[in-house]
C-alpha atoms as a PDB file:
ATOM      1  CA  UNK A   1     133.818 -74.749-148.014  1.00  0.00           C
ATOM      2  CA  UNK A   2     130.240 -73.849-146.084  1.00  0.00           C
ATOM      3  CA  UNK A   3     130.008 -71.291-143.451  1.00  0.00           C
ATOM      4  CA  UNK A   4     130.542 -72.136-139.476  1.00  0.00           C
ATOM      5  CA  UNK A   5     130.319 -71.272-136.358  1.00  0.00           C
ATOM      6  CA  UNK A   6     130.705 -72.896-133.110  1.00  0.00           C
ATOM      7  CA  UNK A   7     129.784 -70.821-129.467  1.00  0.00           C
ATOM      8  CA  UNK A   8     130.132 -71.690-126.085  1.00  0.00           C
ATOM      9  CA  UNK A   9     127.183 -71.708-123.582  1.00  0.00           C
ATOM     10  CA  UNK A  10     127.920 -71.376-120.008  1.00  0.00           C
ATOM     11  CA  UNK A  11     126.377 -74.237-118.363  1.00  0.00           C
ATOM     12  CA  UNK A  12     126.413 -76.110-114.577  1.00  0.00           C
ATOM     13  CA  UNK A  13     128.162 -78.384-115.688  1.00  0.00           C
ATOM     14  CA  UNK A  14     131.018 -75.718-117.125  1.00  0.00           C
ATOM     15  CA  UNK A  15     130.995 -74.765-121.507  1.00  0.00           C
ATOM     16  CA  UNK A  16     129.188 -76.524-123.927  1.00  0.00           C
ATOM     17  CA  UNK A  17     129.855 -76.131-127.654  1.00  0.00           C
ATOM     18  CA  UNK A  18     127.499 -75.984-130.251  1.00  0.00           C
ATOM     19  CA  UNK A  19     128.527 -76.520-133.391  1.00  0.00           C
ATOM     20  CA  UNK A  20     126.131 -74.571-136.068  1.00  0.00           C
ATOM     21  CA  UNK A  21     126.815 -75.283-140.488  1.00  0.00           C
ATOM     22  CA  UNK A  22     125.230 -73.959-143.364  1.00  0.00           C
ATOM     23  CA  UNK A  23     124.067 -69.900-144.172  1.00  0.00           C
ATOM     24  CA  UNK A  24     120.077 -71.521-143.144  1.00  0.00           C
ATOM     25  CA  UNK A  25     121.792 -72.366-139.562  1.00  0.00           C
ATOM     26  CA  UNK A  26     121.051 -70.033-136.752  1.00  0.00           C
ATOM     27  CA  UNK A  27     121.843 -69.293-133.574  1.00  0.00           C
ATOM     28  CA  UNK A  28     119.035 -68.809-131.002  1.00  0.00           C
ATOM     29  CA  UNK A  29     120.532 -66.258-127.558  1.00  0.00           C
ATOM     30  CA  UNK A  30     117.361 -66.034-125.639  1.00  0.00           C
ATOM     31  CA  UNK A  31     119.781 -64.172-122.632  1.00  0.00           C
ATOM     32  CA  UNK A  32     119.332 -61.480-124.779  1.00  0.00           C
ATOM     33  CA  UNK A  33     116.339 -62.118-126.905  1.00  0.00           C
ATOM     34  CA  UNK A  34     117.818 -62.084-130.098  1.00  0.00           C
ATOM     35  CA  UNK A  35     118.625 -64.442-133.007  1.00  0.00           C
ATOM     36  CA  UNK A  36     121.842 -64.268-135.136  1.00  0.00           C
ATOM     37  CA  UNK A  37     121.539 -66.122-138.964  1.00  0.00           C
ATOM     38  CA  UNK A  38     124.787 -67.312-139.952  1.00  0.00           C
ATOM     39  CA  UNK A  39     123.276 -65.723-143.712  1.00  0.00           C
ATOM     40  CA  UNK A  40     123.550 -62.376-142.298  1.00  0.00           C
ATOM     41  CA  UNK A  41     127.260 -63.023-140.468  1.00  0.00           C
ATOM     42  CA  UNK A  42     128.410 -64.231-143.411  1.00  0.00           C
ATOM     43  CA  UNK A  43     126.591 -62.675-145.368  1.00  0.00           C
ATOM     44  CA  UNK A  44     128.801 -61.099-149.084  1.00  0.00           C
ATOM     45  CA  UNK A  45     131.380 -64.049-149.271  1.00  0.00           C
ATOM     46  CA  UNK A  46     131.424 -66.706-151.221  1.00  0.00           C
ATOM     47  CA  UNK A  47     132.045 -70.483-150.520  1.00  0.00           C
ATOM     48  CA  UNK A  48     134.222 -72.263-152.383  1.00  0.00           C
ATOM     49  CA  UNK A  49     133.129 -76.376-152.606  1.00  0.00           C
ATOM     50  CA  UNK A  50     134.836 -78.523-150.925  1.00  0.00           C
ATOM     51  CA  UNK A  51     135.535 -82.025-151.799  1.00  0.00           C
ATOM     52  CA  UNK A  52     133.518 -83.444-149.036  1.00  0.00           C
ATOM     53  CA  UNK A  53     130.517 -81.099-149.696  1.00  0.00           C
ATOM     54  CA  UNK A  54     130.425 -83.697-153.029  1.00  0.00           C
ATOM     55  CA  UNK A  55     130.146 -86.787-151.393  1.00  0.00           C
ATOM     56  CA  UNK A  56     126.964 -85.531-149.161  1.00  0.00           C
END
């Protein structure tokens, strides 16, 4: 299982989802001048492999 995060950004036409997958993913938050790495969010956790990961 790989780490994921789902972020909803408010845009003119409404809320738009943005998916981030894997420990290398970084969520840019320009509104507050920050970046959030999934590796930091999930630091110290391990993820069991999924069947679909073996197919990739």
